[in-house]
mmCIF file of all heavy atoms, coordinates in Angstrom:
data_MODEL
# 
_entry.id   MODEL 
# 
loop_
_atom_site.group_PDB 
_atom_site.id 
_atom_site.type_symbol 
_atom_site.label_atom_id 
_atom_site.label_alt_id 
_atom_site.label_comp_id 
_atom_site.label_asym_id 
_atom_site.label_entity_id 
_atom_site.label_seq_id 
_atom_site.pdbx_PDB_ins_code 
_atom_site.Cartn_x 
_atom_site.Cartn_y 
_atom_site.Cartn_z 
_atom_site.occupancy 
_atom_site.B_iso_or_equiv 
_atom_site.pdbx_formal_charge 
_atom_site.auth_seq_id 
_atom_site.auth_comp_id 
_atom_site.auth_asym_id 
_atom_site.auth_atom_id 
_atom_site.pdbx_PDB_model_num 
ATOM 1   N N   . VAL A 1 1  ? 1.480  -3.142  -0.227 1.00 0.00 ? 1  VAL A N   1 
ATOM 2   C CA  . VAL A 1 1  ? 1.065  -2.125  0.739  1.00 0.00 ? 1  VAL A CA  1 
ATOM 3   C C   . VAL A 1 1  ? 0.859  -0.849  -0.065 1.00 0.00 ? 1  VAL A C   1 
ATOM 4   O O   . VAL A 1 1  ? 1.731  -0.456  -0.849 1.00 0.00 ? 1  VAL A O   1 
ATOM 5   C CB  . VAL A 1 1  ? 2.130  -1.908  1.836  1.00 0.00 ? 1  VAL A CB  1 
ATOM 6   C CG1 . VAL A 1 1  ? 1.716  -0.779  2.769  1.00 0.00 ? 1  VAL A CG1 1 
ATOM 7   C CG2 . VAL A 1 1  ? 2.371  -3.197  2.629  1.00 0.00 ? 1  VAL A CG2 1 
ATOM 8   N N   . ARG A 1 2  ? -0.283 -0.203  0.096  1.00 0.00 ? 2  ARG A N   1 
ATOM 9   C CA  . ARG A 1 2  ? -0.588 1.007   -0.662 1.00 0.00 ? 2  ARG A CA  1 
ATOM 10  C C   . ARG A 1 2  ? -0.504 2.229   0.255  1.00 0.00 ? 2  ARG A C   1 
ATOM 11  O O   . ARG A 1 2  ? -0.938 2.179   1.407  1.00 0.00 ? 2  ARG A O   1 
ATOM 12  C CB  . ARG A 1 2  ? -1.980 0.909   -1.285 1.00 0.00 ? 2  ARG A CB  1 
ATOM 13  C CG  . ARG A 1 2  ? -2.104 -0.230  -2.284 1.00 0.00 ? 2  ARG A CG  1 
ATOM 14  C CD  . ARG A 1 2  ? -3.520 -0.387  -2.815 1.00 0.00 ? 2  ARG A CD  1 
ATOM 15  N NE  . ARG A 1 2  ? -3.622 -1.565  -3.666 1.00 0.00 ? 2  ARG A NE  1 
ATOM 16  C CZ  . ARG A 1 2  ? -4.774 -2.076  -4.108 1.00 0.00 ? 2  ARG A CZ  1 
ATOM 17  N NH1 . ARG A 1 2  ? -5.926 -1.489  -3.793 1.00 0.00 ? 2  ARG A NH1 1 
ATOM 18  N NH2 . ARG A 1 2  ? -4.780 -3.155  -4.868 1.00 0.00 ? 2  ARG A NH2 1 
ATOM 19  N N   . ARG A 1 3  ? 0.021  3.324   -0.300 1.00 0.00 ? 3  ARG A N   1 
ATOM 20  C CA  . ARG A 1 3  ? 0.146  4.577   0.453  1.00 0.00 ? 3  ARG A CA  1 
ATOM 21  C C   . ARG A 1 3  ? -0.877 5.584   -0.073 1.00 0.00 ? 3  ARG A C   1 
ATOM 22  O O   . ARG A 1 3  ? -0.924 5.871   -1.267 1.00 0.00 ? 3  ARG A O   1 
ATOM 23  C CB  . ARG A 1 3  ? 1.553  5.152   0.315  1.00 0.00 ? 3  ARG A CB  1 
ATOM 24  C CG  . ARG A 1 3  ? 1.805  6.357   1.219  1.00 0.00 ? 3  ARG A CG  1 
ATOM 25  C CD  . ARG A 1 3  ? 3.141  7.006   0.944  1.00 0.00 ? 3  ARG A CD  1 
ATOM 26  N NE  . ARG A 1 3  ? 3.481  7.992   1.976  1.00 0.00 ? 3  ARG A NE  1 
ATOM 27  C CZ  . ARG A 1 3  ? 4.128  9.136   1.750  1.00 0.00 ? 3  ARG A CZ  1 
ATOM 28  N NH1 . ARG A 1 3  ? 4.532  9.436   0.517  1.00 0.00 ? 3  ARG A NH1 1 
ATOM 29  N NH2 . ARG A 1 3  ? 4.394  9.964   2.743  1.00 0.00 ? 3  ARG A NH2 1 
ATOM 30  N N   . PHE A 1 4  ? -1.687 6.109   0.856  1.00 0.00 ? 4  PHE A N   1 
ATOM 31  C CA  . PHE A 1 4  ? -2.735 7.062   0.512  1.00 0.00 ? 4  PHE A CA  1 
ATOM 32  C C   . PHE A 1 4  ? -2.451 8.399   1.186  1.00 0.00 ? 4  PHE A C   1 
ATOM 33  O O   . PHE A 1 4  ? -2.048 8.457   2.352  1.00 0.00 ? 4  PHE A O   1 
ATOM 34  C CB  . PHE A 1 4  ? -4.102 6.552   0.962  1.00 0.00 ? 4  PHE A CB  1 
ATOM 35  C CG  . PHE A 1 4  ? -4.535 5.289   0.274  1.00 0.00 ? 4  PHE A CG  1 
ATOM 36  C CD1 . PHE A 1 4  ? -4.286 4.048   0.851  1.00 0.00 ? 4  PHE A CD1 1 
ATOM 37  C CD2 . PHE A 1 4  ? -5.183 5.328   -0.951 1.00 0.00 ? 4  PHE A CD2 1 
ATOM 38  C CE1 . PHE A 1 4  ? -4.685 2.872   0.226  1.00 0.00 ? 4  PHE A CE1 1 
ATOM 39  C CE2 . PHE A 1 4  ? -5.587 4.160   -1.590 1.00 0.00 ? 4  PHE A CE2 1 
ATOM 40  C CZ  . PHE A 1 4  ? -5.332 2.923   -1.004 1.00 0.00 ? 4  PHE A CZ  1 
ATOM 41  N N   . GLY A 1 5  ? -2.667 9.483   0.448  1.00 0.00 ? 5  GLY A N   1 
ATOM 42  C CA  . GLY A 1 5  ? -2.534 10.803  1.012  1.00 0.00 ? 5  GLY A CA  1 
ATOM 43  C C   . GLY A 1 5  ? -3.661 11.131  1.965  1.00 0.00 ? 5  GLY A C   1 
ATOM 44  O O   . GLY A 1 5  ? -4.685 10.433  2.007  1.00 0.00 ? 5  GLY A O   1 
ATOM 45  N N   . PRO A 1 6  ? -3.526 12.195  2.760  1.00 0.00 ? 6  PRO A N   1 
ATOM 46  C CA  . PRO A 1 6  ? -4.597 12.593  3.676  1.00 0.00 ? 6  PRO A CA  1 
ATOM 47  C C   . PRO A 1 6  ? -5.920 12.873  2.981  1.00 0.00 ? 6  PRO A C   1 
ATOM 48  O O   . PRO A 1 6  ? -6.983 12.817  3.613  1.00 0.00 ? 6  PRO A O   1 
ATOM 49  C CB  . PRO A 1 6  ? -4.040 13.855  4.337  1.00 0.00 ? 6  PRO A CB  1 
ATOM 50  C CG  . PRO A 1 6  ? -2.555 13.710  4.251  1.00 0.00 ? 6  PRO A CG  1 
ATOM 51  C CD  . PRO A 1 6  ? -2.304 13.028  2.940  1.00 0.00 ? 6  PRO A CD  1 
ATOM 52  N N   . ASP A 1 7  ? -5.874 13.154  1.674  1.00 0.00 ? 7  ASP A N   1 
ATOM 53  C CA  . ASP A 1 7  ? -7.106 13.373  0.909  1.00 0.00 ? 7  ASP A CA  1 
ATOM 54  C C   . ASP A 1 7  ? -7.655 12.088  0.305  1.00 0.00 ? 7  ASP A C   1 
ATOM 55  O O   . ASP A 1 7  ? -8.652 12.108  -0.425 1.00 0.00 ? 7  ASP A O   1 
ATOM 56  C CB  . ASP A 1 7  ? -6.872 14.402  -0.194 1.00 0.00 ? 7  ASP A CB  1 
ATOM 57  C CG  . ASP A 1 7  ? -5.830 13.937  -1.228 1.00 0.00 ? 7  ASP A CG  1 
ATOM 58  O OD1 . ASP A 1 7  ? -5.208 12.868  -1.031 1.00 0.00 ? 7  ASP A OD1 1 
ATOM 59  O OD2 . ASP A 1 7  ? -5.627 14.661  -2.231 1.00 0.00 ? 7  ASP A OD2 1 
ATOM 60  N N   . GLY A 1 8  ? -7.016 10.941  0.598  1.00 0.00 ? 8  GLY A N   1 
ATOM 61  C CA  . GLY A 1 8  ? -7.478 9.661   0.076  1.00 0.00 ? 8  GLY A CA  1 
ATOM 62  C C   . GLY A 1 8  ? -6.911 9.273   -1.270 1.00 0.00 ? 8  GLY A C   1 
ATOM 63  O O   . GLY A 1 8  ? -7.228 8.191   -1.786 1.00 0.00 ? 8  GLY A O   1 
ATOM 64  N N   . SER A 1 9  ? -6.049 10.094  -1.856 1.00 0.00 ? 9  SER A N   1 
ATOM 65  C CA  . SER A 1 9  ? -5.476 9.768   -3.162 1.00 0.00 ? 9  SER A CA  1 
ATOM 66  C C   . SER A 1 9  ? -4.386 8.708   -3.015 1.00 0.00 ? 9  SER A C   1 
ATOM 67  O O   . SER A 1 9  ? -3.614 8.715   -2.051 1.00 0.00 ? 9  SER A O   1 
ATOM 68  C CB  . SER A 1 9  ? -4.890 11.021  -3.809 1.00 0.00 ? 9  SER A CB  1 
ATOM 69  O OG  . SER A 1 9  ? -3.905 11.603  -2.975 1.00 0.00 ? 9  SER A OG  1 
ATOM 70  N N   . LEU A 1 10 ? -4.328 7.790   -3.961 1.00 0.00 ? 10 LEU A N   1 
ATOM 71  C CA  . LEU A 1 10 ? -3.292 6.763   -3.981 1.00 0.00 ? 10 LEU A CA  1 
ATOM 72  C C   . LEU A 1 10 ? -2.013 7.379   -4.537 1.00 0.00 ? 10 LEU A C   1 
ATOM 73  O O   . LEU A 1 10 ? -1.980 7.824   -5.689 1.00 0.00 ? 10 LEU A O   1 
ATOM 74  C CB  . LEU A 1 10 ? -3.736 5.580   -4.839 1.00 0.00 ? 10 LEU A CB  1 
ATOM 75  C CG  . LEU A 1 10 ? -2.742 4.430   -4.993 1.00 0.00 ? 10 LEU A CG  1 
ATOM 76  C CD1 . LEU A 1 10 ? -2.416 3.783   -3.647 1.00 0.00 ? 10 LEU A CD1 1 
ATOM 77  C CD2 . LEU A 1 10 ? -3.297 3.380   -5.964 1.00 0.00 ? 10 LEU A CD2 1 
ATOM 78  N N   . VAL A 1 11 ? -0.951 7.404   -3.729 1.00 0.00 ? 11 VAL A N   1 
ATOM 79  C CA  . VAL A 1 11 ? 0.268  8.111   -4.136 1.00 0.00 ? 11 VAL A CA  1 
ATOM 80  C C   . VAL A 1 11 ? 1.493  7.200   -4.214 1.00 0.00 ? 11 VAL A C   1 
ATOM 81  O O   . VAL A 1 11 ? 2.558  7.638   -4.670 1.00 0.00 ? 11 VAL A O   1 
ATOM 82  C CB  . VAL A 1 11 ? 0.562  9.284   -3.183 1.00 0.00 ? 11 VAL A CB  1 
ATOM 83  C CG1 . VAL A 1 11 ? -0.544 10.310  -3.234 1.00 0.00 ? 11 VAL A CG1 1 
ATOM 84  C CG2 . VAL A 1 11 ? 0.764  8.787   -1.738 1.00 0.00 ? 11 VAL A CG2 1 
ATOM 85  N N   . GLY A 1 12 ? 1.387  5.959   -3.801 1.00 0.00 ? 12 GLY A N   1 
ATOM 86  C CA  . GLY A 1 12 ? 2.535  5.069   -3.849 1.00 0.00 ? 12 GLY A CA  1 
ATOM 87  C C   . GLY A 1 12 ? 2.174  3.688   -3.356 1.00 0.00 ? 12 GLY A C   1 
ATOM 88  O O   . GLY A 1 12 ? 1.060  3.446   -2.876 1.00 0.00 ? 12 GLY A O   1 
ATOM 89  N N   . SER A 1 13 ? 3.134  2.761   -3.477 1.00 0.00 ? 13 SER A N   1 
ATOM 90  C CA  . SER A 1 13 ? 2.889  1.391   -3.036 1.00 0.00 ? 13 SER A CA  1 
ATOM 91  C C   . SER A 1 13 ? 4.208  0.660   -2.844 1.00 0.00 ? 13 SER A C   1 
ATOM 92  O O   . SER A 1 13 ? 5.263  1.098   -3.314 1.00 0.00 ? 13 SER A O   1 
ATOM 93  C CB  . SER A 1 13 ? 2.013  0.640   -4.048 1.00 0.00 ? 13 SER A CB  1 
ATOM 94  O OG  . SER A 1 13 ? 2.686  0.504   -5.292 1.00 0.00 ? 13 SER A OG  1 
ATOM 95  N N   . VAL A 1 14 ? 4.123  -0.453  -2.147 1.00 0.00 ? 14 VAL A N   1 
ATOM 96  C CA  . VAL A 1 14 ? 5.236  -1.388  -1.998 1.00 0.00 ? 14 VAL A CA  1 
ATOM 97  C C   . VAL A 1 14 ? 4.784  -2.702  -2.606 1.00 0.00 ? 14 VAL A C   1 
ATOM 98  O O   . VAL A 1 14 ? 3.705  -3.216  -2.260 1.00 0.00 ? 14 VAL A O   1 
ATOM 99  C CB  . VAL A 1 14 ? 5.617  -1.601  -0.519 1.00 0.00 ? 14 VAL A CB  1 
ATOM 100 C CG1 . VAL A 1 14 ? 6.809  -2.551  -0.407 1.00 0.00 ? 14 VAL A CG1 1 
ATOM 101 C CG2 . VAL A 1 14 ? 5.911  -0.277  0.175  1.00 0.00 ? 14 VAL A CG2 1 
ATOM 102 N N   . ALA A 1 15 ? 5.559  -3.251  -3.522 1.00 0.00 ? 15 ALA A N   1 
ATOM 103 C CA  . ALA A 1 15 ? 5.237  -4.537  -4.142 1.00 0.00 ? 15 ALA A CA  1 
ATOM 104 C C   . ALA A 1 15 ? 5.888  -5.664  -3.357 1.00 0.00 ? 15 ALA A C   1 
ATOM 105 O O   . ALA A 1 15 ? 7.065  -5.585  -2.993 1.00 0.00 ? 15 ALA A O   1 
ATOM 106 C CB  . ALA A 1 15 ? 5.711  -4.562  -5.587 1.00 0.00 ? 15 ALA A CB  1 
ATOM 107 N N   . LEU A 1 16 ? 5.122  -6.697  -3.071 1.00 0.00 ? 16 LEU A N   1 
ATOM 108 C CA  . LEU A 1 16 ? 5.602  -7.874  -2.350 1.00 0.00 ? 16 LEU A CA  1 
ATOM 109 C C   . LEU A 1 16 ? 5.508  -9.105  -3.235 1.00 0.00 ? 16 LEU A C   1 
ATOM 110 O O   . LEU A 1 16 ? 4.660  -9.173  -4.123 1.00 0.00 ? 16 LEU A O   1 
ATOM 111 C CB  . LEU A 1 16 ? 4.770  -8.095  -1.084 1.00 0.00 ? 16 LEU A CB  1 
ATOM 112 C CG  . LEU A 1 16 ? 4.998  -7.215  0.155  1.00 0.00 ? 16 LEU A CG  1 
ATOM 113 C CD1 . LEU A 1 16 ? 6.440  -7.291  0.631  1.00 0.00 ? 16 LEU A CD1 1 
ATOM 114 C CD2 . LEU A 1 16 ? 4.567  -5.799  -0.067 1.00 0.00 ? 16 LEU A CD2 1 
ATOM 115 N N   . PRO A 1 17 ? 6.358  -10.115 -2.992 1.00 0.00 ? 17 PRO A N   1 
ATOM 116 C CA  . PRO A 1 17 ? 6.352  -11.305 -3.847 1.00 0.00 ? 17 PRO A CA  1 
ATOM 117 C C   . PRO A 1 17 ? 5.355  -12.382 -3.419 1.00 0.00 ? 17 PRO A C   1 
ATOM 118 O O   . PRO A 1 17 ? 5.353  -13.475 -3.993 1.00 0.00 ? 17 PRO A O   1 
ATOM 119 C CB  . PRO A 1 17 ? 7.787  -11.815 -3.710 1.00 0.00 ? 17 PRO A CB  1 
ATOM 120 C CG  . PRO A 1 17 ? 8.170  -11.426 -2.318 1.00 0.00 ? 17 PRO A CG  1 
ATOM 121 C CD  . PRO A 1 17 ? 7.511  -10.096 -2.069 1.00 0.00 ? 17 PRO A CD  1 
ATOM 122 N N   . THR A 1 18 ? 4.527  -12.088 -2.444 1.00 0.00 ? 18 THR A N   1 
ATOM 123 C CA  . THR A 1 18 ? 3.541  -13.059 -1.954 1.00 0.00 ? 18 THR A CA  1 
ATOM 124 C C   . THR A 1 18 ? 2.227  -12.318 -1.733 1.00 0.00 ? 18 THR A C   1 
ATOM 125 O O   . THR A 1 18 ? 2.239  -11.118 -1.418 1.00 0.00 ? 18 THR A O   1 
ATOM 126 C CB  . THR A 1 18 ? 4.054  -13.729 -0.656 1.00 0.00 ? 18 THR A CB  1 
ATOM 127 O OG1 . THR A 1 18 ? 3.198  -14.825 -0.309 1.00 0.00 ? 18 THR A OG1 1 
ATOM 128 C CG2 . THR A 1 18 ? 4.121  -12.748 0.502  1.00 0.00 ? 18 THR A CG2 1 
ATOM 129 N N   . PRO A 1 19 ? 1.077  -12.961 -1.904 1.00 0.00 ? 19 PRO A N   1 
ATOM 130 C CA  . PRO A 1 19 ? -0.174 -12.194 -1.955 1.00 0.00 ? 19 PRO A CA  1 
ATOM 131 C C   . PRO A 1 19 ? -0.749 -11.754 -0.614 1.00 0.00 ? 19 PRO A C   1 
ATOM 132 O O   . PRO A 1 19 ? -1.345 -10.686 -0.524 1.00 0.00 ? 19 PRO A O   1 
ATOM 133 C CB  . PRO A 1 19 ? -1.140 -13.156 -2.661 1.00 0.00 ? 19 PRO A CB  1 
ATOM 134 C CG  . PRO A 1 19 ? -0.602 -14.518 -2.380 1.00 0.00 ? 19 PRO A CG  1 
ATOM 135 C CD  . PRO A 1 19 ? 0.883  -14.361 -2.359 1.00 0.00 ? 19 PRO A CD  1 
ATOM 136 N N   . HIS A 1 20 ? -0.584 -12.572 0.429  1.00 0.00 ? 20 HIS A N   1 
ATOM 137 C CA  . HIS A 1 20 ? -1.330 -12.311 1.658  1.00 0.00 ? 20 HIS A CA  1 
ATOM 138 C C   . HIS A 1 20 ? -0.510 -11.446 2.611  1.00 0.00 ? 20 HIS A C   1 
ATOM 139 O O   . HIS A 1 20 ? 0.216  -11.929 3.472  1.00 0.00 ? 20 HIS A O   1 
ATOM 140 C CB  . HIS A 1 20 ? -1.778 -13.619 2.303  1.00 0.00 ? 20 HIS A CB  1 
ATOM 141 C CG  . HIS A 1 20 ? -2.848 -14.303 1.514  1.00 0.00 ? 20 HIS A CG  1 
ATOM 142 N ND1 . HIS A 1 20 ? -3.287 -15.579 1.769  1.00 0.00 ? 20 HIS A ND1 1 
ATOM 143 C CD2 . HIS A 1 20 ? -3.588 -13.868 0.447  1.00 0.00 ? 20 HIS A CD2 1 
ATOM 144 C CE1 . HIS A 1 20 ? -4.228 -15.910 0.905  1.00 0.00 ? 20 HIS A CE1 1 
ATOM 145 N NE2 . HIS A 1 20 ? -4.425 -14.881 0.093  1.00 0.00 ? 20 HIS A NE2 1 
ATOM 146 N N   . ILE A 1 21 ? -0.654 -10.137 2.425  1.00 0.00 ? 21 ILE A N   1 
ATOM 147 C CA  . ILE A 1 21 ? 0.088  -9.130  3.183  1.00 0.00 ? 21 ILE A CA  1 
ATOM 148 C C   . ILE A 1 21 ? -0.818 -8.633  4.303  1.00 0.00 ? 21 ILE A C   1 
ATOM 149 O O   . ILE A 1 21 ? -1.984 -8.290  4.067  1.00 0.00 ? 21 ILE A O   1 
ATOM 150 C CB  . ILE A 1 21 ? 0.517  -7.973  2.265  1.00 0.00 ? 21 ILE A CB  1 
ATOM 151 C CG1 . ILE A 1 21 ? 1.271  -8.527  1.046  1.00 0.00 ? 21 ILE A CG1 1 
ATOM 152 C CG2 . ILE A 1 21 ? 1.354  -6.966  3.023  1.00 0.00 ? 21 ILE A CG2 1 
ATOM 153 C CD1 . ILE A 1 21 ? 2.453  -9.412  1.383  1.00 0.00 ? 21 ILE A CD1 1 
ATOM 154 N N   . THR A 1 22 ? -0.286 -8.581  5.527  1.00 0.00 ? 22 THR A N   1 
ATOM 155 C CA  . THR A 1 22 ? -1.153 -8.367  6.678  1.00 0.00 ? 22 THR A CA  1 
ATOM 156 C C   . THR A 1 22 ? -0.993 -7.024  7.375  1.00 0.00 ? 22 THR A C   1 
ATOM 157 O O   . THR A 1 22 ? -1.982 -6.419  7.777  1.00 0.00 ? 22 THR A O   1 
ATOM 158 C CB  . THR A 1 22 ? -0.968 -9.489  7.706  1.00 0.00 ? 22 THR A CB  1 
ATOM 159 O OG1 . THR A 1 22 ? 0.424  -9.568  8.064  1.00 0.00 ? 22 THR A OG1 1 
ATOM 160 C CG2 . THR A 1 22 ? -1.429 -10.827 7.143  1.00 0.00 ? 22 THR A CG2 1 
ATOM 161 N N   . CYS A 1 23 ? 0.253  -6.525  7.546  1.00 0.00 ? 23 CYS A N   1 
ATOM 162 C CA  . CYS A 1 23 ? 0.384  -5.271  8.284  1.00 0.00 ? 23 CYS A CA  1 
ATOM 163 C C   . CYS A 1 23 ? 1.767  -4.654  8.099  1.00 0.00 ? 23 CYS A C   1 
ATOM 164 O O   . CYS A 1 23 ? 2.773  -5.369  8.146  1.00 0.00 ? 23 CYS A O   1 
ATOM 165 C CB  . CYS A 1 23 ? 0.135  -5.502  9.773  1.00 0.00 ? 23 CYS A CB  1 
ATOM 166 S SG  . CYS A 1 23 ? -0.140 -3.973  10.706 1.00 0.00 ? 23 CYS A SG  1 
ATOM 167 N N   . PRO A 1 24 ? 1.835  -3.325  7.914  1.00 0.00 ? 24 PRO A N   1 
ATOM 168 C CA  . PRO A 1 24 ? 3.119  -2.616  7.894  1.00 0.00 ? 24 PRO A CA  1 
ATOM 169 C C   . PRO A 1 24 ? 3.367  -1.901  9.219  1.00 0.00 ? 24 PRO A C   1 
ATOM 170 O O   . PRO A 1 24 ? 2.427  -1.550  9.945  1.00 0.00 ? 24 PRO A O   1 
ATOM 171 C CB  . PRO A 1 24 ? 2.910  -1.597  6.774  1.00 0.00 ? 24 PRO A CB  1 
ATOM 172 C CG  . PRO A 1 24 ? 1.454  -1.233  6.884  1.00 0.00 ? 24 PRO A CG  1 
ATOM 173 C CD  . PRO A 1 24 ? 0.745  -2.449  7.431  1.00 0.00 ? 24 PRO A CD  1 
# 
């Protein structure tokens, strides 16, 4: 899961152990 700032910049993420991530 990737976290984007209001300006669209990538500022963080959550790493998961499986590839098909659907919704936070």
